[in-house]
Amino acid sequence: MNLGDIIPKLVLKSSSKDEIIDFDLHNNFKDRNILIICIPGAYTSTCHNKHLPPYIENSKFLKKEKNIDGIYCVSVNDPYVMQQWSISLKAIGVIFLSDGNAEFAKETQLLKPYKHNLMGMRLKRSVIRIENLIVKKIITDDSGLLETSYEEILKNL
């Protein structure tokens, strides 16, 4: 995926405390400024403890001060795992999306092998800024680095 590309036309699963429903990316992202946080896996040490919590804690600030209409966390986990992870993090302000078949990961070219962790193929840790379906910014982490931390992304919004 490159700057200026249109986000893939896919339907993922949205997982909240109360339900799991189909989530059409184009229908939900049209005419909106979106921040997508792509993570390798729910409950993984870096994602669970370091990467995602600051986005949850600061979701109101991002929406109000940085003109973000919606914040989404996408992972190649099934929707039931994403639902439980959302509940465990008390993730108010961030919507969790399951890319269980890795379609989003493949179409965005963010699919990465995590064989050393016995996780198979997953989304590369990254953050994507979308405005009206168009990719305006994409930042990815190199192995061992957390360039998509909340603090780093805040400098780039």
N, C-alpha and C. Protein backbone atom coordinates (compact mmCIF):
# COMPACT_ATOMS: atom_id res chain seq x y z
N MET A 1 0.85 -1.17 0.00
CA MET A 1 0.00 0.00 0.00
C MET A 1 0.89 1.23 0.00
N ASN A 2 0.48 2.20 -0.78
CA ASN A 2 1.25 3.44 -0.91
C ASN A 2 0.37 4.65 -0.61
N LEU A 3 1.02 5.77 -0.38
CA LEU A 3 0.29 7.02 -0.19
C LEU A 3 -0.55 7.29 -1.43
N GLY A 4 -1.76 7.74 -1.23
CA GLY A 4 -2.66 8.03 -2.33
C GLY A 4 -3.52 6.86 -2.76
N ASP A 5 -3.21 5.66 -2.29
CA ASP A 5 -4.02 4.48 -2.62
C ASP A 5 -5.36 4.55 -1.90
N ILE A 6 -6.35 3.91 -2.48
CA ILE A 6 -7.65 3.75 -1.82
C ILE A 6 -7.58 2.51 -0.94
N ILE A 7 -8.11 2.63 0.26
CA ILE A 7 -8.14 1.50 1.19
C ILE A 7 -8.90 0.34 0.54
N PRO A 8 -8.48 -0.90 0.78
CA PRO A 8 -9.17 -2.04 0.14
C PRO A 8 -10.66 -2.07 0.47
N LYS A 9 -11.44 -2.50 -0.50
CA LYS A 9 -12.89 -2.64 -0.30
C LYS A 9 -13.12 -4.03 0.29
N LEU A 10 -13.19 -4.09 1.61
CA LEU A 10 -13.32 -5.36 2.33
C LEU A 10 -14.37 -5.24 3.43
N VAL A 11 -14.85 -6.38 3.85
CA VAL A 11 -15.72 -6.47 5.02
C VAL A 11 -14.97 -7.29 6.07
N LEU A 12 -14.66 -6.66 7.20
CA LEU A 12 -14.03 -7.34 8.33
C LEU A 12 -15.10 -7.56 9.39
N LYS A 13 -14.72 -8.05 10.54
CA LYS A 13 -15.65 -8.22 11.66
C LYS A 13 -15.30 -7.21 12.74
N SER A 14 -16.29 -6.46 13.17
CA SER A 14 -16.14 -5.52 14.27
C SER A 14 -16.51 -6.21 15.56
N SER A 15 -15.61 -6.13 16.54
CA SER A 15 -15.85 -6.80 17.81
C SER A 15 -15.97 -5.79 18.93
N SER A 16 -17.11 -5.79 19.59
CA SER A 16 -17.30 -4.94 20.76
C SER A 16 -17.73 -5.82 21.93
N LYS A 17 -17.89 -5.20 23.07
CA LYS A 17 -18.30 -5.93 24.26
C LYS A 17 -19.61 -6.69 24.04
N ASP A 18 -20.50 -6.10 23.27
CA ASP A 18 -21.86 -6.64 23.13
C ASP A 18 -22.11 -7.46 21.88
N GLU A 19 -21.28 -7.26 20.82
CA GLU A 19 -21.61 -7.95 19.58
C GLU A 19 -20.42 -8.05 18.64
N ILE A 20 -20.56 -8.95 17.69
CA ILE A 20 -19.62 -9.08 16.58
C ILE A 20 -20.45 -8.92 15.32
N ILE A 21 -20.09 -7.93 14.50
CA ILE A 21 -20.88 -7.63 13.31
C ILE A 21 -19.96 -7.41 12.10
N ASP A 22 -20.55 -7.52 10.91
CA ASP A 22 -19.82 -7.20 9.69
C ASP A 22 -19.50 -5.71 9.67
N PHE A 23 -18.33 -5.39 9.15
CA PHE A 23 -17.87 -4.00 9.11
C PHE A 23 -17.27 -3.72 7.74
N ASP A 24 -18.01 -3.02 6.90
CA ASP A 24 -17.58 -2.67 5.56
C ASP A 24 -16.67 -1.44 5.64
N LEU A 25 -15.41 -1.60 5.28
CA LEU A 25 -14.46 -0.50 5.40
C LEU A 25 -14.88 0.72 4.59
N HIS A 26 -15.29 0.52 3.34
CA HIS A 26 -15.65 1.67 2.51
C HIS A 26 -16.90 2.40 3.04
N ASN A 27 -17.90 1.65 3.44
CA ASN A 27 -19.12 2.29 3.98
C ASN A 27 -18.83 3.06 5.26
N ASN A 28 -17.96 2.54 6.10
CA ASN A 28 -17.69 3.17 7.39
C ASN A 28 -16.59 4.23 7.37
N PHE A 29 -15.73 4.21 6.36
CA PHE A 29 -14.62 5.16 6.31
C PHE A 29 -14.85 6.30 5.31
N LYS A 30 -15.88 6.20 4.49
CA LYS A 30 -16.14 7.23 3.49
C LYS A 30 -16.42 8.57 4.19
N ASP A 31 -15.79 9.62 3.67
CA ASP A 31 -15.96 10.99 4.19
C ASP A 31 -15.53 11.14 5.65
N ARG A 32 -14.60 10.30 6.10
CA ARG A 32 -14.13 10.37 7.49
C ARG A 32 -12.61 10.34 7.54
N ASN A 33 -12.04 10.90 8.60
CA ASN A 33 -10.61 10.83 8.88
C ASN A 33 -10.40 9.70 9.89
N ILE A 34 -9.63 8.70 9.47
CA ILE A 34 -9.51 7.46 10.23
C ILE A 34 -8.05 7.19 10.58
N LEU A 35 -7.84 6.62 11.75
CA LEU A 35 -6.54 6.12 12.16
C LEU A 35 -6.67 4.62 12.39
N ILE A 36 -5.89 3.84 11.64
CA ILE A 36 -5.90 2.38 11.80
C ILE A 36 -4.58 1.96 12.43
N ILE A 37 -4.68 1.26 13.53
CA ILE A 37 -3.51 0.72 14.21
C ILE A 37 -3.47 -0.77 13.89
N CYS A 38 -2.47 -1.17 13.12
CA CYS A 38 -2.32 -2.58 12.73
C CYS A 38 -1.36 -3.25 13.69
N ILE A 39 -1.77 -4.39 14.21
CA ILE A 39 -0.94 -5.08 15.19
C ILE A 39 -0.76 -6.55 14.80
N PRO A 40 0.38 -7.14 15.17
CA PRO A 40 0.61 -8.55 14.86
C PRO A 40 -0.33 -9.50 15.59
N GLY A 41 -0.66 -9.20 16.84
CA GLY A 41 -1.52 -10.14 17.54
C GLY A 41 -2.07 -9.63 18.85
N ALA A 42 -3.31 -10.00 19.11
CA ALA A 42 -3.95 -9.67 20.38
C ALA A 42 -3.19 -10.36 21.52
N TYR A 43 -3.10 -9.69 22.63
CA TYR A 43 -2.48 -10.19 23.84
C TYR A 43 -0.97 -10.39 23.75
N THR A 44 -0.36 -10.10 22.61
CA THR A 44 1.09 -10.23 22.53
C THR A 44 1.72 -9.16 23.40
N SER A 45 2.89 -9.45 23.94
CA SER A 45 3.45 -8.59 24.99
C SER A 45 3.60 -7.13 24.57
N THR A 46 4.19 -6.86 23.42
CA THR A 46 4.38 -5.47 23.01
C THR A 46 3.05 -4.80 22.69
N CYS A 47 2.20 -5.47 21.92
CA CYS A 47 0.91 -4.88 21.52
C CYS A 47 0.02 -4.61 22.74
N HIS A 48 -0.04 -5.58 23.63
CA HIS A 48 -0.94 -5.50 24.78
C HIS A 48 -0.45 -4.52 25.85
N ASN A 49 0.85 -4.49 26.08
CA ASN A 49 1.38 -3.69 27.18
C ASN A 49 1.89 -2.32 26.78
N LYS A 50 2.43 -2.19 25.56
CA LYS A 50 3.08 -0.94 25.18
C LYS A 50 2.40 -0.20 24.03
N HIS A 51 2.01 -0.94 23.00
CA HIS A 51 1.59 -0.28 21.76
C HIS A 51 0.18 0.30 21.82
N LEU A 52 -0.80 -0.54 22.11
CA LEU A 52 -2.20 -0.10 22.01
C LEU A 52 -2.71 0.72 23.19
N PRO A 53 -2.34 0.45 24.44
CA PRO A 53 -2.93 1.20 25.56
C PRO A 53 -2.87 2.73 25.45
N PRO A 54 -1.76 3.34 25.00
CA PRO A 54 -1.77 4.81 24.90
C PRO A 54 -2.78 5.35 23.89
N TYR A 55 -3.05 4.59 22.84
CA TYR A 55 -4.06 5.03 21.87
C TYR A 55 -5.45 5.00 22.52
N ILE A 56 -5.70 3.99 23.31
CA ILE A 56 -6.99 3.89 24.02
C ILE A 56 -7.12 5.04 25.02
N GLU A 57 -6.07 5.22 25.82
CA GLU A 57 -6.09 6.27 26.86
C GLU A 57 -6.25 7.67 26.27
N ASN A 58 -5.73 7.88 25.06
CA ASN A 58 -5.73 9.21 24.45
C ASN A 58 -6.69 9.33 23.27
N SER A 59 -7.65 8.42 23.16
CA SER A 59 -8.56 8.44 22.01
C SER A 59 -9.38 9.73 21.94
N LYS A 60 -9.82 10.24 23.06
CA LYS A 60 -10.60 11.50 23.05
C LYS A 60 -9.75 12.66 22.55
N PHE A 61 -8.51 12.71 23.00
CA PHE A 61 -7.60 13.77 22.56
C PHE A 61 -7.37 13.69 21.05
N LEU A 62 -7.09 12.50 20.54
CA LEU A 62 -6.85 12.32 19.10
C LEU A 62 -8.06 12.77 18.29
N LYS A 63 -9.22 12.41 18.75
CA LYS A 63 -10.43 12.77 18.01
C LYS A 63 -10.69 14.27 18.04
N LYS A 64 -10.49 14.86 19.19
CA LYS A 64 -10.79 16.29 19.33
C LYS A 64 -9.69 17.18 18.76
N GLU A 65 -8.45 16.90 19.11
CA GLU A 65 -7.35 17.80 18.77
C GLU A 65 -6.66 17.48 17.45
N LYS A 66 -6.77 16.26 16.97
CA LYS A 66 -6.07 15.86 15.74
C LYS A 66 -7.04 15.54 14.60
N ASN A 67 -8.31 15.90 14.78
CA ASN A 67 -9.31 15.75 13.72
C ASN A 67 -9.46 14.31 13.23
N ILE A 68 -9.45 13.37 14.16
CA ILE A 68 -9.64 11.96 13.84
C ILE A 68 -11.10 11.60 14.15
N ASP A 69 -11.80 11.06 13.17
CA ASP A 69 -13.20 10.67 13.36
C ASP A 69 -13.35 9.29 13.98
N GLY A 70 -12.38 8.42 13.74
CA GLY A 70 -12.47 7.06 14.27
C GLY A 70 -11.10 6.43 14.38
N ILE A 71 -10.91 5.63 15.45
CA ILE A 71 -9.66 4.91 15.68
C ILE A 71 -9.99 3.43 15.69
N TYR A 72 -9.24 2.67 14.90
CA TYR A 72 -9.51 1.24 14.72
C TYR A 72 -8.25 0.44 14.94
N CYS A 73 -8.38 -0.69 15.58
CA CYS A 73 -7.29 -1.64 15.77
C CYS A 73 -7.60 -2.87 14.93
N VAL A 74 -6.69 -3.22 14.01
CA VAL A 74 -6.88 -4.37 13.13
C VAL A 74 -5.80 -5.40 13.41
N SER A 75 -6.22 -6.67 13.48
CA SER A 75 -5.27 -7.77 13.67
C SER A 75 -5.76 -9.02 12.97
N VAL A 76 -4.81 -9.89 12.63
CA VAL A 76 -5.13 -11.19 12.04
C VAL A 76 -5.43 -12.16 13.19
N ASN A 77 -6.48 -11.86 13.92
CA ASN A 77 -7.02 -12.72 14.97
C ASN A 77 -8.49 -12.91 14.67
N ASP A 78 -9.06 -13.99 15.20
CA ASP A 78 -10.49 -14.19 14.97
C ASP A 78 -11.28 -13.17 15.77
N PRO A 79 -12.55 -12.93 15.38
CA PRO A 79 -13.34 -11.87 16.03
C PRO A 79 -13.60 -12.13 17.51
N TYR A 80 -13.61 -13.39 17.93
CA TYR A 80 -13.87 -13.69 19.33
C TYR A 80 -12.68 -13.31 20.21
N VAL A 81 -11.48 -13.55 19.71
CA VAL A 81 -10.27 -13.12 20.42
C VAL A 81 -10.23 -11.59 20.47
N MET A 82 -10.54 -10.94 19.35
CA MET A 82 -10.54 -9.47 19.33
C MET A 82 -11.57 -8.91 20.31
N GLN A 83 -12.72 -9.56 20.40
CA GLN A 83 -13.75 -9.12 21.33
C GLN A 83 -13.24 -9.20 22.77
N GLN A 84 -12.66 -10.32 23.14
CA GLN A 84 -12.17 -10.49 24.50
C GLN A 84 -11.01 -9.55 24.80
N TRP A 85 -10.17 -9.31 23.80
CA TRP A 85 -9.05 -8.39 24.01
C TRP A 85 -9.56 -6.98 24.23
N SER A 86 -10.54 -6.57 23.45
CA SER A 86 -11.15 -5.25 23.61
C SER A 86 -11.72 -5.09 25.03
N ILE A 87 -12.41 -6.12 25.49
CA ILE A 87 -12.99 -6.09 26.84
C ILE A 87 -11.89 -6.00 27.89
N SER A 88 -10.84 -6.81 27.74
CA SER A 88 -9.77 -6.83 28.74
C SER A 88 -9.03 -5.50 28.83
N LEU A 89 -8.95 -4.78 27.70
CA LEU A 89 -8.28 -3.48 27.69
C LEU A 89 -9.23 -2.32 28.00
N LYS A 90 -10.52 -2.63 28.20
CA LYS A 90 -11.52 -1.58 28.43
C LYS A 90 -11.37 -0.50 27.35
N ALA A 91 -11.41 -0.97 26.11
CA ALA A 91 -11.05 -0.16 24.94
C ALA A 91 -12.16 0.76 24.46
N ILE A 92 -12.61 1.64 25.31
CA ILE A 92 -13.56 2.65 24.88
C ILE A 92 -12.81 3.66 24.01
N GLY A 93 -13.37 3.98 22.86
CA GLY A 93 -12.75 4.95 21.97
C GLY A 93 -11.99 4.33 20.81
N VAL A 94 -11.75 3.01 20.86
CA VAL A 94 -11.07 2.30 19.78
C VAL A 94 -11.94 1.12 19.39
N ILE A 95 -12.20 0.97 18.10
CA ILE A 95 -13.00 -0.15 17.60
C ILE A 95 -12.05 -1.23 17.09
N PHE A 96 -12.27 -2.47 17.52
CA PHE A 96 -11.42 -3.59 17.15
C PHE A 96 -12.01 -4.31 15.94
N LEU A 97 -11.15 -4.54 14.94
CA LEU A 97 -11.57 -5.20 13.71
C LEU A 97 -10.75 -6.48 13.51
N SER A 98 -11.45 -7.55 13.24
CA SER A 98 -10.81 -8.83 12.99
C SER A 98 -10.55 -9.00 11.50
N ASP A 99 -9.30 -9.29 11.18
CA ASP A 99 -8.88 -9.64 9.82
C ASP A 99 -8.48 -11.11 9.83
N GLY A 100 -9.37 -11.93 10.34
CA GLY A 100 -9.09 -13.34 10.57
C GLY A 100 -8.59 -14.12 9.37
N ASN A 101 -8.96 -13.72 8.17
CA ASN A 101 -8.50 -14.40 6.96
C ASN A 101 -7.30 -13.70 6.33
N ALA A 102 -6.78 -12.69 6.98
CA ALA A 102 -5.62 -11.91 6.53
C ALA A 102 -5.84 -11.22 5.18
N GLU A 103 -7.09 -10.95 4.85
CA GLU A 103 -7.37 -10.27 3.58
C GLU A 103 -6.85 -8.83 3.58
N PHE A 104 -7.10 -8.11 4.66
CA PHE A 104 -6.61 -6.74 4.78
C PHE A 104 -5.08 -6.74 4.73
N ALA A 105 -4.47 -7.66 5.47
CA ALA A 105 -3.01 -7.75 5.51
C ALA A 105 -2.44 -7.99 4.12
N LYS A 106 -3.06 -8.88 3.37
CA LYS A 106 -2.58 -9.19 2.02
C LYS A 106 -2.79 -8.01 1.07
N GLU A 107 -3.98 -7.44 1.08
CA GLU A 107 -4.30 -6.38 0.12
C GLU A 107 -3.54 -5.09 0.38
N THR A 108 -3.15 -4.85 1.62
CA THR A 108 -2.36 -3.67 1.96
C THR A 108 -0.87 -3.95 1.85
N GLN A 109 -0.52 -5.18 1.56
CA GLN A 109 0.88 -5.62 1.47
C GLN A 109 1.61 -5.45 2.80
N LEU A 110 0.86 -5.63 3.88
CA LEU A 110 1.44 -5.54 5.23
C LEU A 110 1.51 -6.90 5.91
N LEU A 111 1.44 -7.96 5.12
CA LEU A 111 1.52 -9.32 5.64
C LEU A 111 2.99 -9.65 5.91
N LYS A 112 3.26 -10.16 7.10
CA LYS A 112 4.64 -10.43 7.51
C LYS A 112 4.70 -11.76 8.25
N PRO A 113 5.72 -12.56 7.98
CA PRO A 113 5.86 -13.81 8.74
C PRO A 113 6.39 -13.55 10.14
N TYR A 114 5.74 -14.18 11.10
CA TYR A 114 6.19 -14.14 12.50
C TYR A 114 6.48 -15.56 12.94
N LYS A 115 7.21 -16.30 12.10
CA LYS A 115 7.50 -17.71 12.37
C LYS A 115 8.31 -17.90 13.65
N HIS A 116 9.22 -16.97 13.93
CA HIS A 116 10.06 -17.09 15.12
C HIS A 116 9.23 -17.06 16.41
N ASN A 117 8.04 -16.49 16.35
CA ASN A 117 7.14 -16.44 17.52
C ASN A 117 6.02 -17.47 17.41
N LEU A 118 6.10 -18.35 16.40
CA LEU A 118 5.08 -19.37 16.14
C LEU A 118 3.70 -18.76 15.91
N MET A 119 3.68 -17.57 15.27
CA MET A 119 2.42 -16.88 15.01
C MET A 119 2.00 -16.94 13.55
N GLY A 120 2.83 -17.52 12.68
CA GLY A 120 2.48 -17.58 11.27
C GLY A 120 2.53 -16.22 10.62
N MET A 121 1.63 -16.01 9.66
CA MET A 121 1.58 -14.75 8.92
C MET A 121 0.63 -13.77 9.63
N ARG A 122 1.11 -12.58 9.87
CA ARG A 122 0.35 -11.56 10.60
C ARG A 122 0.50 -10.20 9.94
N LEU A 123 -0.25 -9.24 10.44
CA LEU A 123 -0.09 -7.86 10.02
C LEU A 123 1.21 -7.31 10.59
N LYS A 124 1.92 -6.59 9.78
CA LYS A 124 3.11 -5.89 10.26
C LYS A 124 2.64 -4.73 11.14
N ARG A 125 3.30 -4.51 12.26
CA ARG A 125 2.90 -3.42 13.13
C ARG A 125 3.04 -2.11 12.36
N SER A 126 1.93 -1.39 12.26
CA SER A 126 1.90 -0.15 11.48
C SER A 126 0.72 0.70 11.89
N VAL A 127 0.75 1.94 11.43
CA VAL A 127 -0.36 2.88 11.64
C VAL A 127 -0.64 3.54 10.30
N ILE A 128 -1.93 3.58 9.95
CA ILE A 128 -2.35 4.14 8.67
C ILE A 128 -3.33 5.28 8.94
N ARG A 129 -3.09 6.42 8.32
CA ARG A 129 -4.02 7.56 8.40
C ARG A 129 -4.78 7.60 7.08
N ILE A 130 -6.10 7.59 7.16
CA ILE A 130 -6.95 7.57 5.98
C ILE A 130 -7.88 8.78 6.01
N GLU A 131 -8.00 9.45 4.88
CA GLU A 131 -8.96 10.54 4.74
C GLU A 131 -9.86 10.22 3.55
N ASN A 132 -11.14 10.03 3.80
CA ASN A 132 -12.11 9.71 2.76
C ASN A 132 -11.62 8.57 1.87
N LEU A 133 -11.22 7.48 2.50
CA LEU A 133 -10.79 6.23 1.86
C LEU A 133 -9.38 6.28 1.26
N ILE A 134 -8.72 7.42 1.28
CA ILE A 134 -7.39 7.58 0.67
C ILE A 134 -6.32 7.50 1.76
N VAL A 135 -5.28 6.71 1.50
CA VAL A 135 -4.16 6.60 2.43
C VAL A 135 -3.33 7.88 2.36
N LYS A 136 -3.29 8.58 3.50
CA LYS A 136 -2.54 9.84 3.57
C LYS A 136 -1.19 9.66 4.26
N LYS A 137 -1.09 8.67 5.12
CA LYS A 137 0.17 8.41 5.82
C LYS A 137 0.19 6.95 6.23
N ILE A 138 1.36 6.33 6.12
CA ILE A 138 1.53 4.97 6.60
C ILE A 138 2.92 4.88 7.23
N ILE A 139 2.95 4.41 8.45
CA ILE A 139 4.20 4.24 9.18
C ILE A 139 4.27 2.80 9.64
N THR A 140 5.37 2.14 9.35
CA THR A 140 5.53 0.74 9.75
C THR A 140 6.75 0.61 10.65
N ASP A 141 6.72 -0.41 11.50
CA ASP A 141 7.85 -0.68 12.38
C ASP A 141 8.83 -1.62 11.72
N ASP A 142 10.10 -1.35 11.92
CA ASP A 142 11.12 -2.32 11.57
C ASP A 142 11.25 -3.27 12.75
N SER A 143 11.78 -4.44 12.50
CA SER A 143 11.90 -5.45 13.56
C SER A 143 12.59 -4.89 14.79
N GLY A 144 11.97 -5.12 15.94
CA GLY A 144 12.55 -4.71 17.21
C GLY A 144 12.34 -3.26 17.59
N LEU A 145 11.77 -2.47 16.70
CA LEU A 145 11.56 -1.05 16.99
C LEU A 145 10.07 -0.77 17.14
N LEU A 146 9.74 0.29 17.86
CA LEU A 146 8.34 0.68 18.03
C LEU A 146 8.17 2.10 17.50
N GLU A 147 8.33 2.23 16.17
CA GLU A 147 8.20 3.52 15.51
C GLU A 147 6.75 3.97 15.39
N THR A 148 5.82 3.06 15.69
CA THR A 148 4.40 3.38 15.64
C THR A 148 3.82 3.60 17.03
N SER A 149 4.69 3.90 17.98
CA SER A 149 4.20 4.20 19.33
C SER A 149 3.32 5.43 19.27
N TYR A 150 2.47 5.58 20.24
CA TYR A 150 1.58 6.74 20.31
C TYR A 150 2.40 8.03 20.23
N GLU A 151 3.48 8.10 20.98
CA GLU A 151 4.29 9.31 21.03
C GLU A 151 4.86 9.65 19.65
N GLU A 152 5.32 8.65 18.92
CA GLU A 152 5.88 8.89 17.59
C GLU A 152 4.78 9.30 16.59
N ILE A 153 3.65 8.63 16.66
CA ILE A 153 2.55 8.93 15.74
C ILE A 153 2.01 10.33 15.99
N LEU A 154 1.94 10.72 17.25
CA LEU A 154 1.45 12.06 17.59
C LEU A 154 2.30 13.14 16.90
N LYS A 155 3.61 12.91 16.76
CA LYS A 155 4.48 13.86 16.07
C LYS A 155 4.16 13.95 14.59
N ASN A 156 3.56 12.89 14.02
CA ASN A 156 3.33 12.80 12.58
C ASN A 156 1.90 13.07 12.15
N LEU A 157 1.01 13.41 13.08
CA LEU A 157 -0.39 13.63 12.71
C LEU A 157 -0.63 15.09 12.35
